[in-house]
Protein backbone atom coordinates (compact mmCIF):
# COMPACT_ATOMS: atom_id res chain seq x y z
CA MET A 1 -49.02 -41.95 89.98
CA THR A 2 -45.83 -39.87 91.09
CA GLY A 3 -44.12 -42.26 93.09
CA THR A 4 -43.54 -44.86 89.89
CA SER A 5 -43.05 -41.29 87.51
CA SER A 6 -39.78 -40.43 90.43
CA SER A 7 -38.70 -44.10 90.12
CA ILE A 8 -38.54 -44.35 86.74
CA ALA A 9 -37.10 -41.12 86.30
CA GLN A 10 -34.84 -42.26 88.60
CA THR A 11 -33.68 -45.49 87.74
CA ALA A 12 -33.04 -43.58 84.16
CA ILE A 13 -30.46 -41.43 85.72
CA ASP A 14 -28.90 -43.79 87.63
CA PRO A 15 -28.54 -47.46 84.97
CA PRO A 16 -27.93 -50.48 87.35
CA PRO A 17 -24.31 -51.42 88.19
CA GLY A 18 -23.60 -53.49 86.43
CA MET A 19 -24.67 -51.67 83.18
CA VAL A 20 -21.97 -49.10 84.41
CA GLU A 21 -19.11 -51.89 85.10
CA ARG A 22 -19.58 -53.22 82.27
CA ARG A 23 -18.73 -49.76 80.26
CA GLY A 24 -16.11 -48.75 82.24
CA ARG A 25 -14.58 -52.16 81.47
CA SER A 26 -15.36 -51.79 77.75
CA LEU A 27 -13.77 -48.38 77.77
CA TRP A 28 -10.81 -49.67 79.43
CA LEU A 29 -9.92 -52.19 77.08
CA THR A 30 -10.57 -49.10 74.54
CA HIS A 31 -8.08 -47.52 75.92
CA VAL A 32 -5.74 -50.47 76.09
CA PHE A 33 -5.83 -51.39 73.00
CA MET A 34 -5.50 -47.96 70.99
CA VAL A 35 -2.75 -47.53 73.28
CA ILE A 36 -0.83 -50.48 71.87
CA GLY A 37 -1.93 -49.73 68.83
CA VAL A 38 0.30 -45.86 69.09
CA LEU A 39 2.92 -47.96 70.20
CA ILE A 40 3.06 -50.23 67.23
CA VAL A 41 2.88 -47.23 65.03
CA PHE A 42 5.39 -45.17 66.92
CA PHE A 43 8.43 -48.20 67.85
CA PRO A 44 9.82 -47.86 64.12
CA ILE A 45 9.61 -44.05 64.23
CA TRP A 46 11.71 -44.39 67.57
CA LEU A 47 14.23 -46.87 66.03
CA ALA A 48 14.94 -44.39 63.42
CA PHE A 49 15.53 -42.05 65.99
CA VAL A 50 17.71 -43.65 68.51
CA ALA A 51 20.02 -44.26 64.49
CA SER A 52 20.34 -40.52 64.17
CA THR A 53 21.71 -40.09 67.64
CA VAL A 54 24.33 -43.14 67.25
CA THR A 55 27.25 -43.65 65.49
CA GLN A 56 27.87 -46.32 62.51
CA ALA A 57 29.12 -49.05 64.28
CA GLU A 58 26.40 -49.38 66.94
CA ILE A 59 23.89 -49.88 64.71
CA VAL A 60 25.37 -52.59 62.55
CA SER A 61 26.39 -54.00 65.63
CA PRO A 62 23.64 -56.00 66.99
CA PRO A 63 21.76 -55.29 69.55
CA MET A 64 20.85 -52.25 68.12
CA PRO A 65 20.22 -49.58 71.21
CA LEU A 66 16.82 -48.02 72.37
CA TRP A 67 18.10 -44.97 73.83
CA PRO A 68 19.16 -42.35 71.83
CA GLY A 69 22.53 -41.85 72.08
CA GLU A 70 25.37 -38.83 71.77
CA TYR A 71 25.93 -37.92 68.58
CA PHE A 72 22.25 -36.05 68.07
CA PHE A 73 23.66 -32.68 66.94
CA GLU A 74 26.35 -34.42 64.77
CA ASN A 75 24.91 -36.78 62.60
CA TYR A 76 21.91 -34.35 62.10
CA LYS A 77 24.74 -31.45 60.93
CA ARG A 78 26.13 -33.88 58.95
CA ALA A 79 22.76 -34.37 57.37
CA LEU A 80 21.64 -31.09 56.88
CA PHE A 81 24.58 -29.19 54.95
CA SER A 82 26.41 -32.02 54.05
CA GLY A 83 24.57 -35.21 53.07
CA VAL A 84 25.80 -37.94 50.92
CA ASN A 85 25.24 -36.50 47.55
CA VAL A 86 23.18 -32.99 48.27
CA PRO A 87 22.32 -31.29 51.70
CA VAL A 88 19.78 -32.44 53.05
CA ALA A 89 18.22 -28.83 53.72
CA THR A 90 18.58 -28.21 49.72
CA MET A 91 16.27 -31.36 49.46
CA LEU A 92 14.17 -29.99 52.25
CA PHE A 93 13.53 -26.55 50.14
CA ASN A 94 12.74 -27.63 47.04
CA SER A 95 10.48 -30.19 48.65
CA LEU A 96 8.68 -27.72 50.43
CA VAL A 97 8.26 -24.91 47.14
CA MET A 98 7.34 -28.25 45.86
CA ALA A 99 4.54 -29.28 47.53
CA VAL A 100 3.28 -25.98 48.60
CA GLY A 101 3.15 -24.67 44.86
CA ILE A 102 1.10 -28.24 44.39
CA ALA A 103 -1.23 -27.32 47.23
CA VAL A 104 -2.09 -23.49 46.32
CA GLY A 105 -2.14 -24.22 43.07
CA LYS A 106 -4.58 -27.15 42.80
CA ILE A 107 -6.62 -25.40 45.47
CA ILE A 108 -7.10 -21.77 43.36
CA ILE A 109 -7.49 -24.12 39.96
CA SER A 110 -10.08 -26.26 41.57
CA LEU A 111 -11.92 -23.21 43.35
CA LEU A 112 -12.18 -20.83 40.04
CA SER A 113 -13.85 -24.02 38.02
CA ALA A 114 -16.31 -25.36 40.82
CA PHE A 115 -17.39 -21.38 41.31
CA ALA A 116 -17.22 -20.68 37.45
CA ILE A 117 -19.88 -24.89 37.26
CA VAL A 118 -21.81 -23.85 39.92
CA TYR A 119 -22.60 -20.00 39.14
CA PHE A 120 -22.83 -19.28 35.55
CA ARG A 121 -24.66 -20.59 33.06
CA PHE A 122 -23.30 -21.28 30.05
CA PRO A 123 -23.98 -24.52 27.58
CA GLY A 124 -22.23 -27.02 28.33
CA ARG A 125 -21.43 -26.53 31.78
CA ASN A 126 -22.01 -30.35 33.30
CA TYR A 127 -20.20 -31.55 29.92
CA PHE A 128 -17.24 -29.79 31.20
CA PHE A 129 -17.44 -31.05 34.94
CA TRP A 130 -17.74 -34.68 34.03
CA MET A 131 -14.59 -34.46 31.10
CA ILE A 132 -12.75 -32.65 33.86
CA PHE A 133 -14.41 -35.59 36.30
CA ILE A 134 -13.57 -38.28 33.70
CA THR A 135 -9.58 -37.13 34.88
CA LEU A 136 -9.66 -38.77 37.75
CA MET A 137 -8.85 -41.80 35.53
CA LEU A 138 -5.63 -40.66 34.38
CA PRO A 139 -2.70 -39.99 36.39
CA VAL A 140 -0.11 -38.63 36.53
CA GLU A 141 1.66 -42.00 35.93
CA VAL A 142 -0.37 -42.92 33.14
CA ARG A 143 0.31 -39.89 31.03
CA ILE A 144 3.83 -38.70 32.09
CA VAL A 145 5.43 -39.46 28.75
CA PRO A 146 3.12 -37.09 26.88
CA THR A 147 3.43 -34.64 30.13
CA TYR A 148 7.38 -34.93 29.79
CA GLU A 149 7.28 -34.36 25.93
CA VAL A 150 5.55 -31.20 26.93
CA VAL A 151 7.65 -30.03 29.88
CA ALA A 152 10.81 -30.69 28.09
CA GLY A 153 9.02 -29.06 25.02
CA PHE A 154 8.49 -25.56 27.48
CA GLY A 155 12.50 -25.63 28.77
CA LEU A 156 10.95 -26.33 32.27
CA LEU A 157 13.07 -29.46 33.91
CA ASN A 158 15.24 -28.75 36.43
CA SER A 159 13.17 -26.26 37.67
CA TYR A 160 10.34 -25.14 40.18
CA SER A 161 7.67 -24.92 37.28
CA GLY A 162 8.56 -28.24 35.36
CA LEU A 163 7.54 -30.05 39.26
CA ILE A 164 4.55 -27.57 40.18
CA PHE A 165 2.62 -26.99 36.89
CA PRO A 166 2.05 -30.35 35.58
CA LEU A 167 0.71 -31.44 38.71
CA ILE A 168 -2.07 -28.78 39.58
CA ALA A 169 -5.24 -29.43 38.22
CA SER A 170 -7.26 -31.49 40.13
CA ALA A 171 -10.91 -33.40 39.12
CA THR A 172 -11.46 -34.19 42.91
CA ALA A 173 -10.58 -31.13 44.70
CA THR A 174 -13.12 -29.29 41.99
CA PHE A 175 -15.84 -31.96 42.59
CA LEU A 176 -15.56 -31.77 46.22
CA PHE A 177 -16.17 -27.69 45.39
CA ARG A 178 -18.54 -28.48 43.26
CA GLN A 179 -20.70 -30.36 46.31
CA PHE A 180 -19.66 -28.17 48.94
CA PHE A 181 -20.75 -24.85 46.44
CA LEU A 182 -24.02 -26.45 46.06
CA THR A 183 -25.01 -26.03 49.47
CA ILE A 184 -24.61 -22.29 49.69
CA PRO A 185 -28.16 -20.95 49.40
CA ASP A 186 -28.99 -19.84 46.45
CA GLU A 187 -30.50 -16.25 48.45
CA LEU A 188 -27.37 -14.97 48.82
CA ALA A 189 -26.67 -15.17 45.41
CA GLU A 190 -29.50 -13.12 44.58
CA ALA A 191 -29.01 -10.65 47.32
CA ALA A 192 -25.17 -9.59 46.19
CA ARG A 193 -26.63 -9.49 42.65
CA VAL A 194 -29.40 -7.02 44.12
CA ASP A 195 -26.82 -5.05 46.30
CA GLY A 196 -24.81 -4.98 42.60
CA ALA A 197 -21.75 -6.95 43.57
CA LYS A 198 -20.35 -8.42 40.67
CA PRO A 199 -19.16 -12.32 40.61
CA MET A 200 -15.71 -12.15 41.89
CA ARG A 201 -17.14 -9.95 44.77
CA PHE A 202 -19.23 -12.44 45.70
CA PHE A 203 -16.63 -15.32 45.55
CA VAL A 204 -14.57 -13.03 47.52
CA ASP A 205 -16.18 -11.77 50.43
CA ILE A 206 -18.90 -14.81 50.93
CA VAL A 207 -17.71 -18.45 49.12
CA LEU A 208 -14.03 -17.81 49.90
CA PRO A 209 -14.56 -17.13 53.47
CA MET A 210 -17.74 -19.89 53.61
CA SER A 211 -14.97 -22.70 52.65
CA ARG A 212 -12.46 -21.95 54.32
CA THR A 213 -12.54 -25.20 56.60
CA ASN A 214 -12.63 -26.99 53.05
CA ILE A 215 -9.61 -25.00 51.68
CA ALA A 216 -7.96 -25.92 54.85
CA ALA A 217 -9.04 -29.91 54.89
CA LEU A 218 -7.98 -29.78 50.97
CA PHE A 219 -4.39 -28.05 51.89
CA VAL A 220 -3.00 -30.53 54.57
CA ILE A 221 -4.03 -33.37 52.02
CA LEU A 222 -2.88 -31.94 49.39
CA PHE A 223 0.23 -30.55 50.86
CA ILE A 224 1.07 -34.10 51.39
CA PHE A 225 0.78 -35.36 48.22
CA GLY A 226 2.91 -32.62 47.03
CA TRP A 227 5.46 -33.87 49.73
CA ASN A 228 5.33 -37.40 48.79
CA GLN A 229 5.72 -37.08 44.80
CA TYR A 230 8.86 -39.07 43.71
CA LEU A 231 8.38 -40.61 39.88
CA TRP A 232 8.10 -37.60 38.82
CA PRO A 233 10.47 -35.31 40.50
CA LEU A 234 13.11 -38.52 39.35
CA LEU A 235 11.69 -38.46 35.99
CA ILE A 236 12.71 -34.26 35.15
CA THR A 237 15.00 -33.65 37.27
CA THR A 238 18.83 -35.09 36.45
CA GLU A 239 20.70 -31.69 38.64
CA PRO A 240 21.50 -32.81 42.04
CA ASP A 241 20.86 -29.60 43.78
CA MET A 242 16.71 -30.39 42.36
CA ASN A 243 16.44 -33.32 44.34
CA THR A 244 12.95 -33.70 46.79
CA ILE A 245 13.81 -35.10 49.69
CA VAL A 246 12.02 -38.00 48.90
CA MET A 247 14.12 -38.60 46.10
CA GLY A 248 17.17 -37.79 48.16
CA ILE A 249 16.61 -40.97 50.31
CA LYS A 250 16.05 -43.60 47.98
CA GLN A 251 19.30 -42.27 46.64
CA MET A 252 21.28 -42.21 49.44
CA PHE A 253 21.26 -46.11 49.62
CA PRO A 254 25.06 -47.11 48.17
CA SER A 255 25.08 -49.16 45.32
CA GLY A 256 27.75 -52.43 45.24
CA ASP A 257 28.77 -53.27 47.92
CA ASP A 258 29.95 -49.56 49.59
CA THR A 259 28.39 -48.69 52.97
CA ALA A 260 25.29 -47.17 53.85
CA ASP A 261 26.03 -44.15 56.34
CA TRP A 262 22.63 -45.47 58.61
CA PRO A 263 23.21 -42.49 60.90
CA VAL A 264 22.59 -39.51 57.77
CA ILE A 265 20.07 -41.85 56.34
CA MET A 266 17.83 -41.72 59.48
CA ALA A 267 18.26 -38.36 60.28
CA THR A 268 17.78 -37.51 56.73
CA SER A 269 13.80 -39.65 57.55
CA ILE A 270 13.37 -38.10 61.00
CA LEU A 271 13.86 -34.52 59.13
CA ALA A 272 11.82 -35.69 55.96
CA MET A 273 8.65 -36.73 58.38
CA ILE A 274 9.14 -32.87 60.38
CA PRO A 275 7.54 -30.18 57.93
CA PRO A 276 4.08 -32.73 56.79
CA VAL A 277 3.59 -33.32 60.22
CA LEU A 278 4.08 -29.61 61.38
CA VAL A 279 1.30 -29.00 58.53
CA VAL A 280 -1.66 -31.69 60.42
CA VAL A 281 -0.87 -30.56 63.69
CA SER A 282 -0.73 -26.64 63.07
CA MET A 283 -4.55 -27.15 60.94
CA GLN A 284 -5.57 -29.96 62.95
CA LYS A 285 -8.89 -28.16 63.87
CA LEU A 286 -9.18 -26.57 60.15
CA PHE A 287 -8.61 -30.10 58.85
CA ILE A 288 -11.20 -32.00 61.14
CA ARG A 289 -14.23 -29.63 60.56
CA GLY A 290 -13.67 -29.88 56.97
CA LEU A 291 -14.08 -33.41 56.66
CA VAL A 292 -16.90 -33.82 59.37
CA ASP A 293 -19.02 -30.64 60.19
CA SER A 294 -21.84 -30.21 57.85
CA GLU A 295 -22.09 -26.45 58.83
CA LYS A 296 -19.17 -24.73 57.54
């Protein structure tokens, strides 16, 4: 009996050679397909980078070079401080202010509204929550005309306030925070009440630290959402100095028979990708934990 048990245990520890071979082959194939997929996605970005380091003549004369040229610093200097219509540095700053303002504003408003809906007992709180949730069916593109009239009436055209305030309400973030707050044990709120903590003290000392990974995950998503906005900035900004980077790339393409300055356009495209990439990379761990971890 002992010998039989030992053989079974040894079989469980050491799987048959064929199984190991099949598992190793499938793992190898998985890595090969993953590398191929990464290369397919990365290749256009590499071409854009190469195009930002060569001259206009090298780009328009096929075949296009596949390795960086000698004009990296010259092309990026022209893009940052001269641009085509507006210096790219100015447009990057405008986009950064807009993206950070939208992300922070959405998170603050959503945290407070979700906290009020979950922890305060008042008539019609579920009604107000569902009214907030219904706004998911009304994106900016649907309500853009009345929103523009309100912003214009307050004199917020060509301003950072006009770029940010109409976009800081978020039903999605409110819903996600509400669902997370519902998972916080009621004993914590009871203990805070027994200790004499006011609602905002409970919010700041307990709820916010527990929501750290959720906030980080939402910040990444909302930052990219704000950074990629095109229609709303295009509508409310008429001064070139208020252009965002997404608007600027579109406006760099000439109309008519004019020739596009491709090295500067490609350099601008590469510069436009850097801030979102930095945000994702710097907050990667918190972002993943906020999305997949059940224990926050």
